[in-house]
Amino acid sequence: MTFARYAASCLCVTTGLIQRAVQVKRRITTAVKIRKRGAKLRRSKVAQEKLVAETLLEDGCLRYELHQPFDDGRIRIFVETWESEAEWRAHMEGAAMQRFQASGVGDYFADFALHRLTKVAG
């Protein structure tokens, strides 16, 4: 084998390893839109804000924000970015999310939509 072939094969192997590493460690962003129902808006708000505060301390959390439209107080949108899908999944199964779910505020959601996103520009 010539050096050129050896170098080319090393490059292919290295490129493949890097691509797999990027896939494993690729950042993930999610947007979750929740529309609340009923009169329990205050309790829901407190639980959501507590979830944000706890989640921001978790490993791999780059951004965890809660937004609300100007014109509809029943709608909340979580926007979150994680270092990897594995860290996002750990969050979804972690203590903060379990406490949030156990609080019962999910019973007040009329609609719930989760979108897993990947950055395409910018």
PDB file of N, CA and C in Angstrom:
ATOM      1  N   MET A   1       0.850  -1.170   0.000  1.00  0.00           N
ATOM      2  CA  MET A   1       0.000   0.000   0.000  1.00  0.00           C
ATOM      3  C   MET A   1       0.895   1.232   0.000  1.00  0.00           C
ATOM      4  N   THR A   2       0.570   2.158  -0.851  1.00  0.00           N
ATOM      5  CA  THR A   2       1.336   3.392  -0.905  1.00  0.00           C
ATOM      6  C   THR A   2       0.903   4.318   0.221  1.00  0.00           C
ATOM      7  N   PHE A   3       1.760   5.298   0.503  1.00  0.00           N
ATOM      8  CA  PHE A   3       1.435   6.272   1.551  1.00  0.00           C
ATOM      9  C   PHE A   3       0.160   7.030   1.194  1.00  0.00           C
ATOM     10  N   ALA A   4       0.002   7.358  -0.082  1.00  0.00           N
ATOM     11  CA  ALA A   4      -1.184   8.101  -0.514  1.00  0.00           C
ATOM     12  C   ALA A   4      -2.457   7.307  -0.218  1.00  0.00           C
ATOM     13  N   ARG A   5      -2.418   5.998  -0.505  1.00  0.00           N
ATOM     14  CA  ARG A   5      -3.588   5.159  -0.215  1.00  0.00           C
ATOM     15  C   ARG A   5      -3.821   5.056   1.294  1.00  0.00           C
ATOM     16  N   TYR A   6      -2.728   4.882   2.041  1.00  0.00           N
ATOM     17  CA  TYR A   6      -2.817   4.805   3.500  1.00  0.00           C
ATOM     18  C   TYR A   6      -3.427   6.090   4.063  1.00  0.00           C
ATOM     19  N   ALA A   7      -2.923   7.230   3.614  1.00  0.00           N
ATOM     20  CA  ALA A   7      -3.433   8.518   4.083  1.00  0.00           C
ATOM     21  C   ALA A   7      -4.910   8.677   3.725  1.00  0.00           C
ATOM     22  N   ALA A   8      -5.254   8.271   2.501  1.00  0.00           N
ATOM     23  CA  ALA A   8      -6.651   8.373   2.068  1.00  0.00           C
ATOM     24  C   ALA A   8      -7.548   7.477   2.919  1.00  0.00           C
ATOM     25  N   SER A   9      -7.085   6.273   3.245  1.00  0.00           N
ATOM     26  CA  SER A   9      -7.903   5.369   4.059  1.00  0.00           C
ATOM     27  C   SER A   9      -8.040   5.915   5.481  1.00  0.00           C
ATOM     28  N   CYS A  10      -6.966   6.498   6.018  1.00  0.00           N
ATOM     29  CA  CYS A  10      -7.043   7.109   7.347  1.00  0.00           C
ATOM     30  C   CYS A  10      -8.034   8.270   7.345  1.00  0.00           C
ATOM     31  N   LEU A  11      -8.008   9.059   6.284  1.00  0.00           N
ATOM     32  CA  LEU A  11      -8.921  10.189   6.165  1.00  0.00           C
ATOM     33  C   LEU A  11     -10.366   9.706   6.145  1.00  0.00           C
ATOM     34  N   CYS A  12     -10.630   8.620   5.385  1.00  0.00           N
ATOM     35  CA  CYS A  12     -11.989   8.082   5.325  1.00  0.00           C
ATOM     36  C   CYS A  12     -12.438   7.571   6.690  1.00  0.00           C
ATOM     37  N   VAL A  13     -11.566   6.841   7.367  1.00  0.00           N
ATOM     38  CA  VAL A  13     -11.911   6.331   8.689  1.00  0.00           C
ATOM     39  C   VAL A  13     -12.136   7.481   9.656  1.00  0.00           C
ATOM     40  N   THR A  14     -11.235   8.463   9.644  1.00  0.00           N
ATOM     41  CA  THR A  14     -11.352   9.620  10.535  1.00  0.00           C
ATOM     42  C   THR A  14     -12.620  10.399  10.234  1.00  0.00           C
ATOM     43  N   THR A  15     -12.909  10.615   8.964  1.00  0.00           N
ATOM     44  CA  THR A  15     -14.120  11.337   8.574  1.00  0.00           C
ATOM     45  C   THR A  15     -15.356  10.594   9.054  1.00  0.00           C
ATOM     46  N   GLY A  16     -15.344   9.271   8.892  1.00  0.00           N
ATOM     47  CA  GLY A  16     -16.475   8.468   9.357  1.00  0.00           C
ATOM     48  C   GLY A  16     -16.657   8.556  10.854  1.00  0.00           C
ATOM     49  N   LEU A  17     -15.545   8.506  11.602  1.00  0.00           N
ATOM     50  CA  LEU A  17     -15.625   8.620  13.064  1.00  0.00           C
ATOM     51  C   LEU A  17     -16.142   9.989  13.487  1.00  0.00           C
ATOM     52  N   ILE A  18     -15.666  11.016  12.814  1.00  0.00           N
ATOM     53  CA  ILE A  18     -16.124  12.371  13.138  1.00  0.00           C
ATOM     54  C   ILE A  18     -17.608  12.516  12.836  1.00  0.00           C
ATOM     55  N   GLN A  19     -18.039  11.988  11.683  1.00  0.00           N
ATOM     56  CA  GLN A  19     -19.460  12.083  11.338  1.00  0.00           C
ATOM     57  C   GLN A  19     -20.322  11.361  12.366  1.00  0.00           C
ATOM     58  N   ARG A  20     -19.883  10.165  12.793  1.00  0.00           N
ATOM     59  CA  ARG A  20     -20.645   9.439  13.814  1.00  0.00           C
ATOM     60  C   ARG A  20     -20.639  10.204  15.134  1.00  0.00           C
ATOM     61  N   ALA A  21     -19.510  10.785  15.478  1.00  0.00           N
ATOM     62  CA  ALA A  21     -19.429  11.561  16.723  1.00  0.00           C
ATOM     63  C   ALA A  21     -20.354  12.772  16.656  1.00  0.00           C
ATOM     64  N   VAL A  22     -20.410  13.419  15.496  1.00  0.00           N
ATOM     65  CA  VAL A  22     -21.291  14.573  15.327  1.00  0.00           C
ATOM     66  C   VAL A  22     -22.743  14.135  15.452  1.00  0.00           C
ATOM     67  N   GLN A  23     -23.087  12.982  14.878  1.00  0.00           N
ATOM     68  CA  GLN A  23     -24.451  12.486  14.981  1.00  0.00           C
ATOM     69  C   GLN A  23     -24.814  12.191  16.430  1.00  0.00           C
ATOM     70  N   VAL A  24     -23.900  11.594  17.162  1.00  0.00           N
ATOM     71  CA  VAL A  24     -24.167  11.256  18.544  1.00  0.00           C
ATOM     72  C   VAL A  24     -24.263  12.519  19.391  1.00  0.00           C
ATOM     73  N   LYS A  25     -23.429  13.501  19.125  1.00  0.00           N
ATOM     74  CA  LYS A  25     -23.328  14.704  19.945  1.00  0.00           C
ATOM     75  C   LYS A  25     -24.018  15.908  19.305  1.00  0.00           C
ATOM     76  N   ARG A  26     -24.830  15.687  18.286  1.00  0.00           N
ATOM     77  CA  ARG A  26     -25.499  16.783  17.596  1.00  0.00           C
ATOM     78  C   ARG A  26     -26.483  17.480  18.527  1.00  0.00           C
ATOM     79  N   ARG A  27     -26.426  18.781  18.567  1.00  0.00           N
ATOM     80  CA  ARG A  27     -27.346  19.558  19.402  1.00  0.00           C
ATOM     81  C   ARG A  27     -28.771  19.349  18.940  1.00  0.00           C
ATOM     82  N   ILE A  28     -29.662  19.454  19.887  1.00  0.00           N
ATOM     83  CA  ILE A  28     -31.079  19.306  19.570  1.00  0.00           C
ATOM     84  C   ILE A  28     -31.843  20.467  20.195  1.00  0.00           C
ATOM     85  N   THR A  29     -32.766  20.991  19.436  1.00  0.00           N
ATOM     86  CA  THR A  29     -33.649  22.043  19.929  1.00  0.00           C
ATOM     87  C   THR A  29     -35.074  21.516  19.843  1.00  0.00           C
ATOM     88  N   THR A  30     -35.849  21.812  20.857  1.00  0.00           N
ATOM     89  CA  THR A  30     -37.260  21.454  20.801  1.00  0.00           C
ATOM     90  C   THR A  30     -38.091  22.693  21.085  1.00  0.00           C
ATOM     91  N   ALA A  31     -39.266  22.696  20.520  1.00  0.00           N
ATOM     92  CA  ALA A  31     -40.265  23.722  20.806  1.00  0.00           C
ATOM     93  C   ALA A  31     -41.529  22.977  21.226  1.00  0.00           C
ATOM     94  N   VAL A  32     -42.040  23.342  22.380  1.00  0.00           N
ATOM     95  CA  VAL A  32     -43.236  22.702  22.916  1.00  0.00           C
ATOM     96  C   VAL A  32     -44.298  23.778  23.089  1.00  0.00           C
ATOM     97  N   LYS A  33     -45.419  23.572  22.430  1.00  0.00           N
ATOM     98  CA  LYS A  33     -46.528  24.529  22.546  1.00  0.00           C
ATOM     99  C   LYS A  33     -47.625  23.888  23.380  1.00  0.00           C
ATOM    100  N   ILE A  34     -48.020  24.599  24.421  1.00  0.00           N
ATOM    101  CA  ILE A  34     -49.057  24.130  25.331  1.00  0.00           C
ATOM    102  C   ILE A  34     -50.164  25.183  25.376  1.00  0.00           C
ATOM    103  N   ARG A  35     -51.400  24.725  25.240  1.00  0.00           N
ATOM    104  CA  ARG A  35     -52.539  25.614  25.459  1.00  0.00           C
ATOM    105  C   ARG A  35     -53.259  25.094  26.690  1.00  0.00           C
ATOM    106  N   LYS A  36     -53.392  25.974  27.675  1.00  0.00           N
ATOM    107  CA  LYS A  36     -53.996  25.586  28.950  1.00  0.00           C
ATOM    108  C   LYS A  36     -55.502  25.793  28.911  1.00  0.00           C
ATOM    109  N   ARG A  37     -56.175  25.006  29.721  1.00  0.00           N
ATOM    110  CA  ARG A  37     -57.629  25.168  29.856  1.00  0.00           C
ATOM    111  C   ARG A  37     -57.968  25.375  31.320  1.00  0.00           C
ATOM    112  N   GLY A  38     -59.145  25.889  31.556  1.00  0.00           N
ATOM    113  CA  GLY A  38     -59.621  26.017  32.921  1.00  0.00           C
ATOM    114  C   GLY A  38     -59.069  27.222  33.652  1.00  0.00           C
ATOM    115  N   ALA A  39     -59.362  27.251  34.925  1.00  0.00           N
ATOM    116  CA  ALA A  39     -59.024  28.404  35.747  1.00  0.00           C
ATOM    117  C   ALA A  39     -57.742  28.216  36.540  1.00  0.00           C
ATOM    118  N   LYS A  40     -56.998  27.172  36.294  1.00  0.00           N
ATOM    119  CA  LYS A  40     -55.800  26.865  37.075  1.00  0.00           C
ATOM    120  C   LYS A  40     -54.543  27.453  36.438  1.00  0.00           C
ATOM    121  N   LEU A  41     -54.673  28.593  35.791  1.00  0.00           N
ATOM    122  CA  LEU A  41     -53.548  29.183  35.076  1.00  0.00           C
ATOM    123  C   LEU A  41     -52.408  29.548  36.016  1.00  0.00           C
ATOM    124  N   ARG A  42     -52.719  30.036  37.203  1.00  0.00           N
ATOM    125  CA  ARG A  42     -51.677  30.447  38.154  1.00  0.00           C
ATOM    126  C   ARG A  42     -50.854  29.246  38.624  1.00  0.00           C
ATOM    127  N   ARG A  43     -51.521  28.171  38.981  1.00  0.00           N
ATOM    128  CA  ARG A  43     -50.819  26.957  39.427  1.00  0.00           C
ATOM    129  C   ARG A  43     -49.943  26.401  38.311  1.00  0.00           C
ATOM    130  N   SER A  44     -50.453  26.409  37.114  1.00  0.00           N
ATOM    131  CA  SER A  44     -49.700  25.920  35.962  1.00  0.00           C
ATOM    132  C   SER A  44     -48.463  26.789  35.729  1.00  0.00           C
ATOM    133  N   LYS A  45     -48.631  28.101  35.825  1.00  0.00           N
ATOM    134  CA  LYS A  45     -47.525  29.033  35.616  1.00  0.00           C
ATOM    135  C   LYS A  45     -46.405  28.793  36.621  1.00  0.00           C
ATOM    136  N   VAL A  46     -46.763  28.629  37.883  1.00  0.00           N
ATOM    137  CA  VAL A  46     -45.765  28.402  38.941  1.00  0.00           C
ATOM    138  C   VAL A  46     -44.999  27.112  38.672  1.00  0.00           C
ATOM    139  N   ALA A  47     -45.702  26.042  38.311  1.00  0.00           N
ATOM    140  CA  ALA A  47     -45.045  24.759  38.040  1.00  0.00           C
ATOM    141  C   ALA A  47     -44.123  24.847  36.819  1.00  0.00           C
ATOM    142  N   GLN A  48     -44.554  25.558  35.788  1.00  0.00           N
ATOM    143  CA  GLN A  48     -43.726  25.709  34.596  1.00  0.00           C
ATOM    144  C   GLN A  48     -42.473  26.523  34.891  1.00  0.00           C
ATOM    145  N   GLU A  49     -42.612  27.589  35.646  1.00  0.00           N
ATOM    146  CA  GLU A  49     -41.451  28.415  35.982  1.00  0.00           C
ATOM    147  C   GLU A  49     -40.462  27.657  36.866  1.00  0.00           C
ATOM    148  N   LYS A  50     -40.971  26.812  37.757  1.00  0.00           N
ATOM    149  CA  LYS A  50     -40.103  25.972  38.583  1.00  0.00           C
ATOM    150  C   LYS A  50     -39.351  24.969  37.700  1.00  0.00           C
ATOM    151  N   LEU A  51     -40.049  24.391  36.724  1.00  0.00           N
ATOM    152  CA  LEU A  51     -39.406  23.456  35.799  1.00  0.00           C
ATOM    153  C   LEU A  51     -38.268  24.142  35.047  1.00  0.00           C
ATOM    154  N   VAL A  52     -38.488  25.359  34.597  1.00  0.00           N
ATOM    155  CA  VAL A  52     -37.438  26.108  33.885  1.00  0.00           C
ATOM    156  C   VAL A  52     -36.225  26.306  34.788  1.00  0.00           C
ATOM    157  N   ALA A  53     -36.443  26.771  36.000  1.00  0.00           N
ATOM    158  CA  ALA A  53     -35.333  27.041  36.921  1.00  0.00           C
ATOM    159  C   ALA A  53     -34.526  25.774  37.199  1.00  0.00           C
ATOM    160  N   GLU A  54     -35.196  24.662  37.425  1.00  0.00           N
ATOM    161  CA  GLU A  54     -34.499  23.404  37.705  1.00  0.00           C
ATOM    162  C   GLU A  54     -33.773  22.874  36.472  1.00  0.00           C
ATOM    163  N   THR A  55     -34.398  22.988  35.324  1.00  0.00           N
ATOM    164  CA  THR A  55     -33.823  22.433  34.101  1.00  0.00           C
ATOM    165  C   THR A  55     -32.565  23.177  33.678  1.00  0.00           C
ATOM    166  N   LEU A  56     -32.538  24.479  33.882  1.00  0.00           N
ATOM    167  CA  LEU A  56     -31.353  25.259  33.504  1.00  0.00           C
ATOM    168  C   LEU A  56     -30.088  24.786  34.212  1.00  0.00           C
ATOM    169  N   LEU A  57     -30.226  24.072  35.309  1.00  0.00           N
ATOM    170  CA  LEU A  57     -29.082  23.555  36.067  1.00  0.00           C
ATOM    171  C   LEU A  57     -28.633  22.167  35.590  1.00  0.00           C
ATOM    172  N   GLU A  58     -29.387  21.548  34.697  1.00  0.00           N
ATOM    173  CA  GLU A  58     -29.084  20.190  34.260  1.00  0.00           C
ATOM    174  C   GLU A  58     -27.916  20.168  33.275  1.00  0.00           C
ATOM    175  N   ASP A  59     -27.155  19.056  33.312  1.00  0.00           N
ATOM    176  CA  ASP A  59     -26.045  18.856  32.385  1.00  0.00           C
ATOM    177  C   ASP A  59     -26.566  18.858  30.946  1.00  0.00           C
ATOM    178  N   GLY A  60     -25.878  19.582  30.097  1.00  0.00           N
ATOM    179  CA  GLY A  60     -26.204  19.597  28.677  1.00  0.00           C
ATOM    180  C   GLY A  60     -27.242  20.612  28.267  1.00  0.00           C
ATOM    181  N   CYS A  61     -27.878  21.280  29.227  1.00  0.00           N
ATOM    182  CA  CYS A  61     -28.899  22.275  28.896  1.00  0.00           C
ATOM    183  C   CYS A  61     -28.220  23.576  28.484  1.00  0.00           C
ATOM    184  N   LEU A  62     -28.427  23.976  27.251  1.00  0.00           N
ATOM    185  CA  LEU A  62     -27.863  25.223  26.743  1.00  0.00           C
ATOM    186  C   LEU A  62     -28.873  26.364  26.810  1.00  0.00           C
ATOM    187  N   ARG A  63     -30.152  26.014  26.659  1.00  0.00           N
ATOM    188  CA  ARG A  63     -31.210  27.033  26.680  1.00  0.00           C
ATOM    189  C   ARG A  63     -32.511  26.347  27.082  1.00  0.00           C
ATOM    190  N   TYR A  64     -33.244  26.967  27.969  1.00  0.00           N
ATOM    191  CA  TYR A  64     -34.551  26.456  28.371  1.00  0.00           C
ATOM    192  C   TYR A  64     -35.390  27.672  28.725  1.00  0.00           C
ATOM    193  N   GLU A  65     -36.228  28.064  27.802  1.00  0.00           N
ATOM    194  CA  GLU A  65     -36.989  29.308  27.935  1.00  0.00           C
ATOM    195  C   GLU A  65     -38.479  29.027  27.843  1.00  0.00           C
ATOM    196  N   LEU A  66     -39.238  29.831  28.536  1.00  0.00           N
ATOM    197  CA  LEU A  66     -40.690  29.751  28.496  1.00  0.00           C
ATOM    198  C   LEU A  66     -41.216  31.067  27.938  1.00  0.00           C
ATOM    199  N   HIS A  67     -41.999  30.977  26.881  1.00  0.00           N
ATOM    200  CA  HIS A  67     -42.544  32.163  26.205  1.00  0.00           C
ATOM    201  C   HIS A  67     -44.066  32.122  26.248  1.00  0.00           C
ATOM    202  N   GLN A  68     -44.651  33.308  26.091  1.00  0.00           N
ATOM    203  CA  GLN A  68     -46.106  33.447  26.059  1.00  0.00           C
ATOM    204  C   GLN A  68     -46.457  34.492  25.009  1.00  0.00           C
ATOM    205  N   PRO A  69     -47.445  34.219  24.160  1.00  0.00           N
ATOM    206  CA  PRO A  69     -47.878  35.231  23.194  1.00  0.00           C
ATOM    207  C   PRO A  69     -48.448  36.464  23.897  1.00  0.00           C
ATOM    208  N   PHE A  70     -48.313  37.606  23.258  1.00  0.00           N
ATOM    209  CA  PHE A  70     -48.869  38.842  23.809  1.00  0.00           C
ATOM    210  C   PHE A  70     -50.385  38.774  23.943  1.00  0.00           C
ATOM    211  N   ASP A  71     -51.019  38.054  23.016  1.00  0.00           N
ATOM    212  CA  ASP A  71     -52.475  38.116  22.921  1.00  0.00           C
ATOM    213  C   ASP A  71     -53.234  36.914  23.492  1.00  0.00           C
ATOM    214  N   ASP A  72     -52.541  35.927  24.075  1.00  0.00           N
ATOM    215  CA  ASP A  72     -53.251  34.766  24.608  1.00  0.00           C
ATOM    216  C   ASP A  72     -52.477  34.177  25.790  1.00  0.00           C
ATOM    217  N   GLY A  73     -52.920  34.469  27.000  1.00  0.00           N
ATOM    218  CA  GLY A  73     -52.256  34.007  28.205  1.00  0.00           C
ATOM    219  C   GLY A  73     -52.388  32.516  28.460  1.00  0.00           C
ATOM    220  N   ARG A  74     -53.253  31.846  27.688  1.00  0.00           N
ATOM    221  CA  ARG A  74     -53.402  30.398  27.858  1.00  0.00           C
ATOM    222  C   ARG A  74     -52.309  29.608  27.161  1.00  0.00           C
ATOM    223  N   ILE A  75     -51.579  30.253  26.259  1.00  0.00           N
ATOM    224  CA  ILE A  75     -50.556  29.547  25.473  1.00  0.00           C
ATOM    225  C   ILE A  75     -49.183  29.792  26.060  1.00  0.00           C
ATOM    226  N   ARG A  76     -48.424  28.722  26.186  1.00  0.00           N
ATOM    227  CA  ARG A  76     -47.028  28.787  26.612  1.00  0.00           C
ATOM    228  C   ARG A  76     -46.201  27.993  25.616  1.00  0.00           C
ATOM    229  N   ILE A  77     -45.015  28.496  25.330  1.00  0.00           N
ATOM    230  CA  ILE A  77     -44.107  27.811  24.411  1.00  0.00           C
ATOM    231  C   ILE A  77     -42.753  27.674  25.079  1.00  0.00           C
ATOM    232  N   PHE A  78     -42.337  26.433  25.279  1.00  0.00           N
ATOM    233  CA  PHE A  78     -41.000  26.142  25.781  1.00  0.00           C
ATOM    234  C   PHE A  78     -40.066  26.035  24.574  1.00  0.00           C
ATOM    235  N   VAL A  79     -38.927  26.689  24.640  1.00  0.00           N
ATOM    236  CA  VAL A  79     -37.887  26.551  23.615  1.00  0.00           C
ATOM    237  C   VAL A  79     -36.636  26.098  24.355  1.00  0.00           C
ATOM    238  N   GLU A  80     -36.103  24.963  23.953  1.00  0.00           N
ATOM    239  CA  GLU A  80     -34.956  24.415  24.665  1.00  0.00           C
ATOM    240  C   GLU A  80     -33.921  23.893  23.684  1.00  0.00           C
ATOM    241  N   THR A  81     -32.663  24.036  24.059  1.00  0.00           N
ATOM    242  CA  THR A  81     -31.561  23.504  23.257  1.00  0.00           C
ATOM    243  C   THR A  81     -30.658  22.703  24.182  1.00  0.00           C
ATOM    244  N   TRP A  82     -30.276  21.532  23.709  1.00  0.00           N
ATOM    245  CA  TRP A  82     -29.452  20.602  24.473  1.00  0.00           C
ATOM    246  C   TRP A  82     -28.201  20.243  23.687  1.00  0.00           C
ATOM    247  N   GLU A  83     -27.136  19.935  24.409  1.00  0.00           N
ATOM    248  CA  GLU A  83     -25.870  19.532  23.783  1.00  0.00           C
ATOM    249  C   GLU A  83     -26.046  18.301  22.911  1.00  0.00           C
ATOM    250  N   SER A  84     -26.928  17.389  23.307  1.00  0.00           N
ATOM    251  CA  SER A  84     -27.132  16.163  22.533  1.00  0.00           C
ATOM    252  C   SER A  84     -28.521  15.616  22.805  1.00  0.00           C
ATOM    253  N   GLU A  85     -28.938  14.725  21.942  1.00  0.00           N
ATOM    254  CA  GLU A  85     -30.226  14.067  22.141  1.00  0.00           C
ATOM    255  C   GLU A  85     -30.208  13.232  23.419  1.00  0.00           C
ATOM    256  N   ALA A  86     -29.081  12.626  23.724  1.00  0.00           N
ATOM    257  CA  ALA A  86     -28.971  11.811  24.940  1.00  0.00           C
ATOM    258  C   ALA A  86     -29.235  12.667  26.182  1.00  0.00           C
ATOM    259  N   GLU A  87     -28.704  13.886  26.199  1.00  0.00           N
ATOM    260  CA  GLU A  87     -28.926  14.762  27.357  1.00  0.00           C
ATOM    261  C   GLU A  87     -30.374  15.245  27.415  1.00  0.00           C
ATOM    262  N   TRP A  88     -30.977  15.477  26.258  1.00  0.00           N
ATOM    263  CA  TRP A  88     -32.396  15.844  26.226  1.00  0.00           C
ATOM    264  C   TRP A  88     -33.251  14.689  26.751  1.00  0.00           C
ATOM    265  N   ARG A  89     -32.943  13.487  26.316  1.00  0.00           N
ATOM    266  CA  ARG A  89     -33.698  12.318  26.785  1.00  0.00           C
ATOM    267  C   ARG A  89     -33.525  12.119  28.288  1.00  0.00           C
ATOM    268  N   ALA A  90     -32.305  12.345  28.791  1.00  0.00           N
ATOM    269  CA  ALA A  90     -32.065  12.236  30.234  1.00  0.00           C
ATOM    270  C   ALA A  90     -32.927  13.258  30.977  1.00  0.00           C
ATOM    271  N   HIS A  91     -33.048  14.460  30.425  1.00  0.00           N
ATOM    272  CA  HIS A  91     -33.911  15.487  31.021  1.00  0.00           C
ATOM    273  C   HIS A  91     -35.368  15.019  31.037  1.00  0.00           C
ATOM    274  N   MET A  92     -35.819  14.464  29.935  1.00  0.00           N
ATOM    275  CA  MET A  92     -37.211  14.032  29.826  1.00  0.00           C
ATOM    276  C   MET A  92     -37.538  12.927  30.830  1.00  0.00           C
ATOM    277  N   GLU A  93     -36.534  12.162  31.239  1.00  0.00           N
ATOM    278  CA  GLU A  93     -36.737  11.085  32.216  1.00  0.00           C
ATOM    279  C   GLU A  93     -36.250  11.475  33.612  1.00  0.00           C
ATOM    280  N   GLY A  94     -35.729  12.695  33.758  1.00  0.00           N
ATOM    281  CA  GLY A  94     -35.087  13.121  34.997  1.00  0.00           C
ATOM    282  C   GLY A  94     -36.045  13.590  36.079  1.00  0.00           C
ATOM    283  N   ALA A  95     -35.443  13.940  37.195  1.00  0.00           N
ATOM    284  CA  ALA A  95     -36.194  14.300  38.398  1.00  0.00           C
ATOM    285  C   ALA A  95     -37.070  15.538  38.215  1.00  0.00           C
ATOM    286  N   ALA A  96     -36.559  16.569  37.559  1.00  0.00           N
ATOM    287  CA  ALA A  96     -37.338  17.806  37.387  1.00  0.00           C
ATOM    288  C   ALA A  96     -38.600  17.540  36.568  1.00  0.00           C
ATOM    289  N   MET A  97     -38.465  16.777  35.497  1.00  0.00           N
ATOM    290  CA  MET A  97     -39.622  16.474  34.658  1.00  0.00           C
ATOM    291  C   MET A  97     -40.595  15.558  35.403  1.00  0.00           C
ATOM    292  N   GLN A  98     -40.085  14.626  36.180  1.00  0.00           N
ATOM    293  CA  GLN A  98     -40.960  13.750  36.961  1.00  0.00           C
ATOM    294  C   GLN A  98     -41.755  14.552  37.997  1.00  0.00           C
ATOM    295  N   ARG A  99     -41.095  15.515  38.656  1.00  0.00           N
ATOM    296  CA  ARG A  99     -41.799  16.366  39.616  1.00  0.00           C
ATOM    297  C   ARG A  99     -42.875  17.199  38.915  1.00  0.00           C
ATOM    298  N   PHE A 100     -42.532  17.721  37.748  1.00  0.00           N
ATOM    299  CA  PHE A 100     -43.485  18.528  36.987  1.00  0.00           C
ATOM    300  C   PHE A 100     -44.713  17.689  36.626  1.00  0.00           C
ATOM    301  N   GLN A 101     -44.485  16.491  36.129  1.00  0.00           N
ATOM    302  CA  GLN A 101     -45.598  15.621  35.748  1.00  0.00           C
ATOM    303  C   GLN A 101     -46.425  15.204  36.963  1.00  0.00           C
ATOM    304  N   ALA A 102     -45.749  14.938  38.078  1.00  0.00           N
ATOM    305  CA  ALA A 102     -46.450  14.519  39.300  1.00  0.00           C
ATOM    306  C   ALA A 102     -47.282  15.650  39.896  1.00  0.00           C
ATOM    307  N   SER A 103     -46.949  16.893  39.559  1.00  0.00           N
ATOM    308  CA  SER A 103     -47.696  18.035  40.114  1.00  0.00           C
ATOM    309  C   SER A 103     -49.129  18.088  39.591  1.00  0.00           C
ATOM    310  N   GLY A 104     -49.411  17.388  38.515  1.00  0.00           N
ATOM    311  CA  GLY A 104     -50.763  17.332  37.973  1.00  0.00           C
ATOM    312  C   GLY A 104     -51.125  18.453  37.028  1.00  0.00           C
ATOM    313  N   VAL A 105     -50.213  19.380  36.773  1.00  0.00           N
ATOM    314  CA  VAL A 105     -50.573  20.507  35.903  1.00  0.00           C
ATOM    315  C   VAL A 105     -50.840  20.062  34.469  1.00  0.00           C
ATOM    316  N   GLY A 106     -50.322  18.916  34.080  1.00  0.00           N
ATOM    317  CA  GLY A 106     -50.606  18.405  32.739  1.00  0.00           C
ATOM    318  C   GLY A 106     -52.084  18.170  32.495  1.00  0.00           C
ATOM    319  N   ASP A 107     -52.827  17.982  33.579  1.00  0.00           N
ATOM    320  CA  ASP A 107     -54.279  17.795  33.461  1.00  0.00           C
ATOM    321  C   ASP A 107     -54.976  19.054  32.957  1.00  0.00           C
ATOM    322  N   TYR A 108     -54.294  20.199  33.052  1.00  0.00           N
ATOM    323  CA  TYR A 108     -54.883  21.466  32.633  1.00  0.00           C
ATOM    324  C   TYR A 108     -54.536  21.829  31.191  1.00  0.00           C
ATOM    325  N   PHE A 109     -53.835  20.938  30.486  1.00  0.00           N
ATOM    326  CA  PHE A 109     -53.451  21.233  29.100  1.00  0.00           C
ATOM    327  C   PHE A 109     -54.566  20.813  28.158  1.00  0.00           C
ATOM    328  N   ALA A 110     -55.040  21.755  27.357  1.00  0.00           N
ATOM    329  CA  ALA A 110     -56.028  21.438  26.329  1.00  0.00           C
ATOM    330  C   ALA A 110     -55.333  20.872  25.095  1.00  0.00           C
ATOM    331  N   ASP A 111     -54.176  21.428  24.758  1.00  0.00           N
ATOM    332  CA  ASP A 111     -53.394  20.983  23.601  1.00  0.00           C
ATOM    333  C   ASP A 111     -51.928  20.939  23.996  1.00  0.00           C
ATOM    334  N   PHE A 112     -51.211  20.024  23.381  1.00  0.00           N
ATOM    335  CA  PHE A 112     -49.783  19.868  23.634  1.00  0.00           C
ATOM    336  C   PHE A 112     -49.139  19.399  22.338  1.00  0.00           C
ATOM    337  N   ALA A 113     -48.097  20.100  21.878  1.00  0.00           N
ATOM    338  CA  ALA A 113     -47.377  19.683  20.669  1.00  0.00           C
ATOM    339  C   ALA A 113     -45.884  19.868  20.891  1.00  0.00           C
ATOM    340  N   LEU A 114     -45.117  18.807  20.672  1.00  0.00           N
ATOM    341  CA  LEU A 114     -43.670  18.849  20.815  1.00  0.00           C
ATOM    342  C   LEU A 114     -43.046  18.707  19.432  1.00  0.00           C
ATOM    343  N   HIS A 115     -42.137  19.613  19.112  1.00  0.00           N
ATOM    344  CA  HIS A 115     -41.434  19.580  17.829  1.00  0.00           C
ATOM    345  C   HIS A 115     -39.941  19.469  18.096  1.00  0.00           C
ATOM    346  N   ARG A 116     -39.311  18.397  17.593  1.00  0.00           N
ATOM    347  CA  ARG A 116     -37.864  18.239  17.693  1.00  0.00           C
ATOM    348  C   ARG A 116     -37.280  18.890  16.449  1.00  0.00           C
ATOM    349  N   LEU A 117     -36.325  19.778  16.663  1.00  0.00           N
ATOM    350  CA  LEU A 117     -35.810  20.618  15.576  1.00  0.00           C
ATOM    351  C   LEU A 117     -34.320  20.441  15.393  1.00  0.00           C
ATOM    352  N   THR A 118     -33.870  20.677  14.169  1.00  0.00           N
ATOM    353  CA  THR A 118     -32.446  20.768  13.898  1.00  0.00           C
ATOM    354  C   THR A 118     -32.224  22.070  13.128  1.00  0.00           C
ATOM    355  N   LYS A 119     -31.152  22.719  13.427  1.00  0.00           N
ATOM    356  CA  LYS A 119     -30.863  24.013  12.803  1.00  0.00           C
ATOM    357  C   LYS A 119     -30.497  23.811  11.331  1.00  0.00           C
ATOM    358  N   VAL A 120     -31.107  24.591  10.464  1.00  0.00           N
ATOM    359  CA  VAL A 120     -30.820  24.487   9.038  1.00  0.00           C
ATOM    360  C   VAL A 120     -30.141  25.726   8.474  1.00  0.00           C
ATOM    361  N   ALA A 121     -30.169  26.829   9.204  1.00  0.00           N
ATOM    362  CA  ALA A 121     -29.508  28.053   8.737  1.00  0.00           C
ATOM    363  C   ALA A 121     -29.331  29.001   9.929  1.00  0.00           C
ATOM    364  N   GLY A 122     -28.346  29.914   9.757  1.00  0.00           N
ATOM    365  CA  GLY A 122     -28.191  30.966  10.741  1.00  0.00           C
ATOM    366  C   GLY A 122     -27.240  30.730  11.820  1.00  0.00           C
TER     367      GLY A 122
END
